[in-house]
Amino acid sequence: MKYLSEYRNLEATKIALKQIEDIITKPWNIMEICGGQTHGLVKNGILDLLPDNVRMIHGPGCPVCVTPLNLIDKAIELLENGVIVCSFGDMIRVPGSKQSLLEVKAKGGDLRILYSPLEAVNIAKENPDKEVVFFAVGFETTAPANALSVLHAQKEGVKNYSILVSHVLVPPAMEAILDDEFASIDAFLGAGHVCAIMGYKDYYPLVEKYKVPIIITGFEPLDLVQGIYMAVKQLEEGRHEVENQYSRVVKEEGNKAAIEVINKVFEVGDREWRGIGKIPNSGYKLTKEFKDFDAELKFGIQNIKVPENPLCIAGEILKGIKKPNQCSQFGKTCTPVNPLGAPMVSSEGACAAYFHFADNLIT
């Protein structure tokens, strides 16, 4: 298969690993932003194959993982009050302060698991006597589809549809991580799927301000190892630039049509990140023109606030300060069946990767 099998080629990956060994002279800390990249590193055993001088730090690259407890509780509040709540499948088992969406569904809540927010608009049309809310979670990657659902509902005159927005943006999170007093990041692997939508112009100011290389990287084994090689090469040469390893998918300007749709429906605002706190200008919110589609305003749930679970160290994991297996609850009170936090249950969570692929990890 074009652009897949060749990036899973073992011999090519071995060559790239040897290239890293040949040039590295110092220890370097490299953070991969995306949870998909974390899973690729762990399940393919790449962490154990890298030179000892390369330390991979797992970043906050999972939108499900960084969705704060209060957003989940807001969705649960709607579900418990007769609203049809629609969601992608990876959100339904993430624990809120007391229970998950799936647990509320088991008690009779009308929770629908969908592949597209446009399906939720159709559900609203088919149920004009019920309110329908789509739990709009994601990085920039899923924002175009969620924006299109709002435009479609407006065009069709669907008044009983709204979205619970939990969109977060990658560049501000990277800046917050670099500003943290415990940060020890020398370079980043940028999230290829995010850049496929937004391009990578927003990374230039970060590179200049913090003097860190950023390599836009894909998700297959060869992608990841090539991205690490490009980061190490820059670091060894004393350079700090934006480079695009994922050029077969990502263009500098991104997807202009998708960006246009996003900018029509959303505007940038402050956003709370689970375990990290509020990061200025790090998320999307609906513009005033589309406030009628804002579920928080429509149902008056914007003031729901809940504390984080004190046993869960998701914040330290998402900022790369600690590894999942450094958590005292890992694999004990916190498992995929009974998770304390989102990184253990999400399909892209670092804790889940460590739990499922423990045999591939350095011990």
Protein backbone atom coordinates (compact mmCIF):
# COMPACT_ATOMS: atom_id res chain seq x y z
CA MET A 1 0.00 0.00 0.00
CA LYS A 2 1.42 3.37 -1.00
CA TYR A 3 2.74 5.46 1.92
CA LEU A 4 2.06 2.72 4.45
CA SER A 5 3.96 -0.51 3.86
CA GLU A 6 7.17 1.29 2.93
CA TYR A 7 7.04 3.25 6.21
CA ARG A 8 6.73 -0.03 8.12
CA ASN A 9 9.80 -1.47 6.43
CA LEU A 10 12.08 -3.02 9.05
CA GLU A 11 15.32 -2.68 7.10
CA ALA A 12 14.73 0.99 6.32
CA THR A 13 13.92 1.62 9.98
CA LYS A 14 17.14 -0.12 11.06
CA ILE A 15 19.13 2.11 8.70
CA ALA A 16 17.54 5.23 10.21
CA LEU A 17 18.31 3.97 13.73
CA LYS A 18 21.95 3.43 12.71
CA GLN A 19 22.05 7.00 11.34
CA ILE A 20 21.05 8.29 14.78
CA GLU A 21 23.75 6.20 16.47
CA ASP A 22 26.37 7.51 14.04
CA ILE A 23 25.78 11.20 14.79
CA ILE A 24 24.70 11.41 18.42
CA THR A 25 27.31 12.60 20.95
CA LYS A 26 25.18 14.08 23.74
CA PRO A 27 21.97 13.21 25.63
CA TRP A 28 18.84 14.82 24.16
CA ASN A 29 15.25 15.00 25.38
CA ILE A 30 12.71 14.87 22.55
CA MET A 31 8.96 15.18 23.11
CA GLU A 32 6.49 13.61 20.72
CA ILE A 33 3.32 15.70 20.86
CA CYS A 34 0.75 13.22 19.56
CA GLY A 35 -0.61 10.21 21.45
CA GLY A 36 -0.67 8.29 18.17
CA GLN A 37 3.08 8.82 17.96
CA THR A 38 3.46 7.62 21.56
CA HIS A 39 1.60 4.41 20.73
CA GLY A 40 3.74 3.95 17.62
CA LEU A 41 6.93 4.29 19.66
CA VAL A 42 5.77 1.93 22.39
CA LYS A 43 4.03 -0.84 20.47
CA ASN A 44 6.83 -1.11 17.91
CA GLY A 45 9.52 -1.30 20.60
CA ILE A 46 11.28 1.79 19.25
CA LEU A 47 12.00 3.19 22.72
CA ASP A 48 14.21 0.16 23.41
CA LEU A 49 15.98 0.41 20.04
CA LEU A 50 17.01 4.06 20.30
CA PRO A 51 20.48 5.00 21.57
CA ASP A 52 20.66 5.57 25.33
CA ASN A 53 21.33 9.26 24.71
CA VAL A 54 17.85 9.73 23.20
CA ARG A 55 15.16 10.15 25.83
CA MET A 56 11.63 10.32 24.43
CA ILE A 57 9.18 12.34 26.54
CA HIS A 58 5.47 11.78 25.97
CA GLY A 59 3.46 14.96 25.48
CA PRO A 60 -0.19 16.00 25.86
CA GLY A 61 -1.08 14.85 22.35
CA CYS A 62 -4.42 13.24 23.09
CA PRO A 63 -7.49 15.53 23.06
CA VAL A 64 -9.50 13.00 25.05
CA CYS A 65 -6.78 12.93 27.71
CA VAL A 66 -6.71 16.71 28.12
CA THR A 67 -10.49 17.17 28.25
CA PRO A 68 -11.11 18.42 31.80
CA LEU A 69 -13.41 16.70 34.26
CA ASN A 70 -15.91 19.55 34.21
CA LEU A 71 -16.54 19.08 30.46
CA ILE A 72 -17.32 15.42 31.03
CA ASP A 73 -19.59 16.31 33.93
CA LYS A 74 -21.38 18.81 31.70
CA ALA A 75 -22.03 16.10 29.12
CA ILE A 76 -23.27 13.81 31.89
CA GLU A 77 -25.57 16.56 33.20
CA LEU A 78 -27.16 16.82 29.75
CA LEU A 79 -27.50 13.06 29.42
CA GLU A 80 -29.14 12.75 32.83
CA ASN A 81 -31.67 15.43 31.88
CA GLY A 82 -33.03 13.77 28.77
CA VAL A 83 -30.75 15.25 26.12
CA ILE A 84 -29.55 12.92 23.37
CA VAL A 85 -25.76 13.14 23.70
CA CYS A 86 -23.65 12.04 20.73
CA SER A 87 -19.95 11.33 20.99
CA PHE A 88 -17.00 9.61 19.42
CA GLY A 89 -16.40 6.24 21.08
CA ASP A 90 -13.15 7.15 22.83
CA MET A 91 -14.92 9.61 25.17
CA ILE A 92 -17.59 7.37 26.63
CA ARG A 93 -15.48 5.51 29.21
CA VAL A 94 -13.42 8.48 30.38
CA PRO A 95 -14.35 9.07 34.04
CA GLY A 96 -15.99 12.27 35.16
CA SER A 97 -15.94 13.30 38.81
CA LYS A 98 -18.34 10.48 39.79
CA GLN A 99 -19.13 8.41 36.71
CA SER A 100 -18.59 8.10 32.96
CA LEU A 101 -20.96 8.67 30.05
CA LEU A 102 -21.11 4.93 29.53
CA GLU A 103 -22.29 4.40 33.12
CA VAL A 104 -25.05 6.96 32.62
CA LYS A 105 -26.05 5.20 29.40
CA ALA A 106 -26.33 1.93 31.35
CA LYS A 107 -28.81 3.70 33.64
CA GLY A 108 -30.98 4.72 30.68
CA GLY A 109 -29.31 7.82 29.26
CA ASP A 110 -29.64 8.25 25.49
CA LEU A 111 -25.98 8.20 24.45
CA ARG A 112 -25.21 7.67 20.75
CA ILE A 113 -21.73 6.64 19.58
CA LEU A 114 -21.03 8.13 16.15
CA TYR A 115 -18.29 8.38 13.54
CA SER A 116 -19.28 11.85 12.30
CA PRO A 117 -20.96 14.92 13.82
CA LEU A 118 -23.10 15.15 10.68
CA GLU A 119 -24.83 11.98 11.90
CA ALA A 120 -25.81 13.92 15.02
CA VAL A 121 -27.48 16.60 12.89
CA ASN A 122 -29.52 13.87 11.19
CA ILE A 123 -30.51 12.47 14.59
CA ALA A 124 -31.72 15.94 15.58
CA LYS A 125 -33.80 16.17 12.38
CA GLU A 126 -35.31 12.76 13.09
CA ASN A 127 -36.12 13.71 16.71
CA PRO A 128 -37.53 17.25 16.55
CA ASP A 129 -39.04 16.92 20.05
CA LYS A 130 -35.63 16.15 21.62
CA GLU A 131 -32.48 18.21 22.11
CA VAL A 132 -29.36 16.70 20.56
CA VAL A 133 -25.82 17.63 21.60
CA PHE A 134 -22.58 16.49 19.97
CA PHE A 135 -19.58 16.32 22.31
CA ALA A 136 -17.09 18.11 20.06
CA VAL A 137 -13.68 16.99 21.35
CA GLY A 138 -10.41 17.19 19.47
CA PHE A 139 -7.39 19.11 18.31
CA GLU A 140 -7.49 21.17 15.13
CA THR A 141 -7.84 17.88 13.24
CA THR A 142 -11.53 17.33 14.03
CA ALA A 143 -12.53 20.99 14.12
CA PRO A 144 -13.52 21.20 10.40
CA ALA A 145 -16.07 18.36 10.69
CA ASN A 146 -17.57 19.84 13.86
CA ALA A 147 -17.75 23.27 12.23
CA LEU A 148 -19.44 21.77 9.17
CA SER A 149 -22.08 20.15 11.39
CA VAL A 150 -22.99 23.58 12.77
CA LEU A 151 -23.14 25.10 9.28
CA HIS A 152 -25.28 22.19 8.07
CA ALA A 153 -27.68 22.52 11.03
CA GLN A 154 -27.99 26.25 10.40
CA LYS A 155 -28.66 25.73 6.69
CA GLU A 156 -31.29 23.04 7.40
CA GLY A 157 -32.93 25.11 10.12
CA VAL A 158 -32.30 22.46 12.79
CA LYS A 159 -32.92 24.31 16.05
CA ASN A 160 -32.55 21.35 18.43
CA TYR A 161 -28.89 20.70 17.64
CA SER A 162 -25.90 22.12 19.51
CA ILE A 163 -22.31 21.17 20.33
CA LEU A 164 -20.39 20.94 23.59
CA VAL A 165 -17.05 22.36 22.51
CA SER A 166 -13.76 20.99 23.84
CA HIS A 167 -11.33 21.85 21.04
CA VAL A 168 -7.71 22.45 22.03
CA LEU A 169 -4.81 23.83 20.00
CA VAL A 170 -1.33 22.34 19.86
CA PRO A 171 1.09 25.33 19.56
CA PRO A 172 -0.10 27.08 22.76
CA ALA A 173 0.26 23.77 24.66
CA MET A 174 3.84 23.44 23.43
CA GLU A 175 4.55 26.97 24.64
CA ALA A 176 3.01 26.22 28.05
CA ILE A 177 5.18 23.12 28.36
CA LEU A 178 8.34 25.05 27.46
CA ASP A 179 7.44 27.76 30.00
CA ASP A 180 7.05 25.20 32.78
CA GLU A 181 9.91 25.42 35.32
CA PHE A 182 10.38 21.64 35.14
CA ALA A 183 10.59 21.55 31.34
CA SER A 184 13.59 19.74 29.87
CA ILE A 185 12.62 19.55 26.20
CA ASP A 186 15.36 19.91 23.59
CA ALA A 187 13.19 19.23 20.51
CA PHE A 188 9.66 18.29 19.45
CA LEU A 189 8.13 15.83 17.04
CA GLY A 190 5.11 17.76 15.74
CA ALA A 191 1.75 16.07 15.21
CA GLY A 192 1.44 15.28 11.51
CA HIS A 193 -2.35 15.02 11.39
CA VAL A 194 -2.79 18.44 13.04
CA CYS A 195 -0.37 20.02 10.57
CA ALA A 196 -2.20 18.35 7.67
CA ILE A 197 -5.09 20.67 8.57
CA MET A 198 -3.36 23.78 9.91
CA GLY A 199 0.05 23.69 8.23
CA TYR A 200 3.07 24.59 10.31
CA LYS A 201 3.54 28.36 10.04
CA ASP A 202 2.50 28.74 13.70
CA TYR A 203 5.60 26.79 14.75
CA TYR A 204 8.11 29.33 13.42
CA PRO A 205 7.64 31.77 16.34
CA LEU A 206 8.07 28.91 18.84
CA VAL A 207 11.31 27.82 17.23
CA GLU A 208 12.68 31.35 17.31
CA LYS A 209 11.56 32.12 20.87
CA TYR A 210 12.70 28.89 22.52
CA LYS A 211 15.49 27.78 20.15
CA VAL A 212 14.10 24.25 19.85
CA PRO A 213 13.84 22.19 16.65
CA ILE A 214 10.33 21.07 15.65
CA ILE A 215 10.05 18.15 13.23
CA ILE A 216 6.61 17.52 11.69
CA THR A 217 6.39 13.74 11.82
CA GLY A 218 4.10 10.90 10.76
CA PHE A 219 3.04 7.85 12.74
CA GLU A 220 4.61 4.74 11.21
CA PRO A 221 7.88 3.31 12.60
CA LEU A 222 10.06 4.77 9.84
CA ASP A 223 8.30 8.15 10.16
CA LEU A 224 9.08 8.27 13.85
CA VAL A 225 12.70 7.18 13.58
CA GLN A 226 13.34 9.56 10.68
CA GLY A 227 11.78 12.38 12.71
CA ILE A 228 14.01 11.58 15.67
CA TYR A 229 17.06 11.48 13.38
CA MET A 230 16.19 14.90 11.94
CA ALA A 231 15.76 16.32 15.46
CA VAL A 232 19.07 14.84 16.70
CA LYS A 233 20.89 16.10 13.58
CA GLN A 234 19.68 19.65 14.22
CA LEU A 235 20.59 19.46 17.90
CA GLU A 236 24.06 18.09 17.20
CA GLU A 237 24.63 20.84 14.63
CA GLY A 238 23.34 23.57 16.93
CA ARG A 239 20.40 24.42 14.68
CA HIS A 240 16.74 25.10 15.55
CA GLU A 241 14.36 24.98 12.59
CA VAL A 242 10.97 23.66 11.55
CA GLU A 243 11.40 20.61 9.31
CA ASN A 244 8.73 18.51 7.64
CA GLN A 245 9.36 14.76 7.66
CA TYR A 246 5.69 14.14 6.78
CA SER A 247 5.84 16.00 3.46
CA ARG A 248 3.80 13.31 1.68
CA VAL A 249 0.78 14.57 3.66
CA VAL A 250 1.61 17.96 5.20
CA LYS A 251 2.06 21.25 3.36
CA GLU A 252 3.28 24.47 4.95
CA GLU A 253 -0.02 26.27 4.34
CA GLY A 254 -2.17 23.32 5.47
CA ASN A 255 -5.65 22.67 4.12
CA LYS A 256 -7.00 26.08 3.16
CA ALA A 257 -10.61 24.92 2.74
CA ALA A 258 -10.61 23.32 6.19
CA ILE A 259 -9.06 26.41 7.79
CA GLU A 260 -11.71 28.60 6.16
CA VAL A 261 -14.51 26.48 7.64
CA ILE A 262 -12.91 26.54 11.09
CA ASN A 263 -12.49 30.33 11.03
CA LYS A 264 -16.09 30.82 9.96
CA VAL A 265 -17.55 28.98 12.96
CA PHE A 266 -14.89 29.16 15.69
CA GLU A 267 -12.67 31.77 17.27
CA VAL A 268 -9.67 31.30 19.54
CA GLY A 269 -10.14 31.58 23.30
CA ASP A 270 -8.75 30.35 26.60
CA ARG A 271 -9.18 26.65 27.32
CA GLU A 272 -8.71 24.48 30.39
CA TRP A 273 -6.55 21.37 29.97
CA ARG A 274 -6.97 18.38 32.24
CA GLY A 275 -4.18 18.22 34.80
CA ILE A 276 -2.51 21.32 33.37
CA GLY A 277 -5.01 24.13 33.96
CA LYS A 278 -6.05 27.07 31.84
CA ILE A 279 -3.82 27.91 28.88
CA PRO A 280 -4.51 31.30 27.23
CA ASN A 281 -5.69 31.21 23.62
CA SER A 282 -5.35 27.44 23.47
CA GLY A 283 -8.76 26.38 22.21
CA TYR A 284 -11.72 27.09 19.99
CA LYS A 285 -15.08 28.49 20.99
CA LEU A 286 -18.09 29.27 18.85
CA THR A 287 -18.32 32.81 17.49
CA LYS A 288 -21.21 35.09 18.48
CA GLU A 289 -22.88 34.35 15.13
CA PHE A 290 -23.24 30.70 16.16
CA LYS A 291 -23.90 31.10 19.90
CA ASP A 292 -27.31 29.42 19.49
CA PHE A 293 -25.39 26.20 18.80
CA ASP A 294 -23.33 26.47 22.02
CA ALA A 295 -24.61 23.75 24.37
CA GLU A 296 -23.04 25.36 27.44
CA LEU A 297 -25.01 28.57 26.88
CA LYS A 298 -28.15 26.84 25.66
CA PHE A 299 -28.49 24.66 28.76
CA GLY A 300 -26.84 26.97 31.32
CA ILE A 301 -24.13 24.50 32.32
CA GLN A 302 -21.08 26.72 31.85
CA ASN A 303 -20.49 27.10 35.61
CA ILE A 304 -20.07 23.41 36.44
CA LYS A 305 -16.64 23.04 38.09
CA VAL A 306 -15.13 19.94 39.71
CA PRO A 307 -11.70 19.16 41.20
CA GLU A 308 -9.29 16.69 39.65
CA ASN A 309 -8.78 13.27 41.21
CA PRO A 310 -5.85 13.74 43.64
CA LEU A 311 -4.59 10.20 42.97
CA CYS A 312 -4.20 10.79 39.23
CA ILE A 313 -0.94 12.39 38.01
CA ALA A 314 -2.27 12.97 34.47
CA GLY A 315 -0.97 16.54 34.51
CA GLU A 316 2.62 15.49 35.17
CA ILE A 317 2.35 12.79 32.49
CA LEU A 318 0.81 15.13 29.91
CA LYS A 319 3.56 17.68 30.50
CA GLY A 320 6.23 14.99 30.17
CA ILE A 321 7.47 15.37 33.74
CA LYS A 322 6.76 11.73 34.61
CA LYS A 323 6.28 8.47 32.72
CA PRO A 324 3.03 6.51 33.19
CA ASN A 325 4.77 3.68 35.03
CA GLN A 326 6.11 6.19 37.56
CA CYS A 327 2.58 6.67 38.88
CA SER A 328 1.90 4.83 42.14
CA GLN A 329 -1.58 3.88 40.89
CA PHE A 330 -0.47 2.57 37.48
CA GLY A 331 -1.73 -0.97 36.86
CA LYS A 332 -3.14 -1.14 40.39
CA THR A 333 -6.11 1.09 41.13
CA CYS A 334 -5.80 2.54 37.61
CA THR A 335 -6.31 0.16 34.68
CA PRO A 336 -8.15 0.42 31.34
CA VAL A 337 -11.10 -1.39 32.94
CA ASN A 338 -11.15 0.94 35.95
CA PRO A 339 -9.29 4.12 34.95
CA LEU A 340 -8.60 7.02 37.28
CA GLY A 341 -7.86 9.35 34.38
CA ALA A 342 -8.25 9.75 30.66
CA PRO A 343 -4.65 8.78 29.67
CA MET A 344 -5.41 5.21 30.79
CA VAL A 345 -8.65 4.79 28.83
CA SER A 346 -8.11 6.81 25.65
CA SER A 347 -6.96 4.94 22.55
CA GLU A 348 -4.11 7.48 22.30
CA GLY A 349 -3.33 7.83 25.99
CA ALA A 350 0.26 7.30 27.15
CA CYS A 351 -0.86 5.28 30.19
CA ALA A 352 -2.89 2.94 27.99
CA ALA A 353 0.10 2.49 25.68
CA TYR A 354 2.33 1.53 28.59
CA PHE A 355 -0.31 -0.83 30.00
CA HIS A 356 -1.08 -2.65 26.74
CA PHE A 357 2.45 -2.82 25.39
CA ALA A 358 4.42 -3.33 28.60
CA ASP A 359 6.48 -6.12 27.00
CA ASN A 360 7.89 -3.60 24.51
CA LEU A 361 9.16 -1.19 27.14
CA ILE A 362 12.57 -0.77 28.69
CA THR A 363 12.53 -2.18 32.20
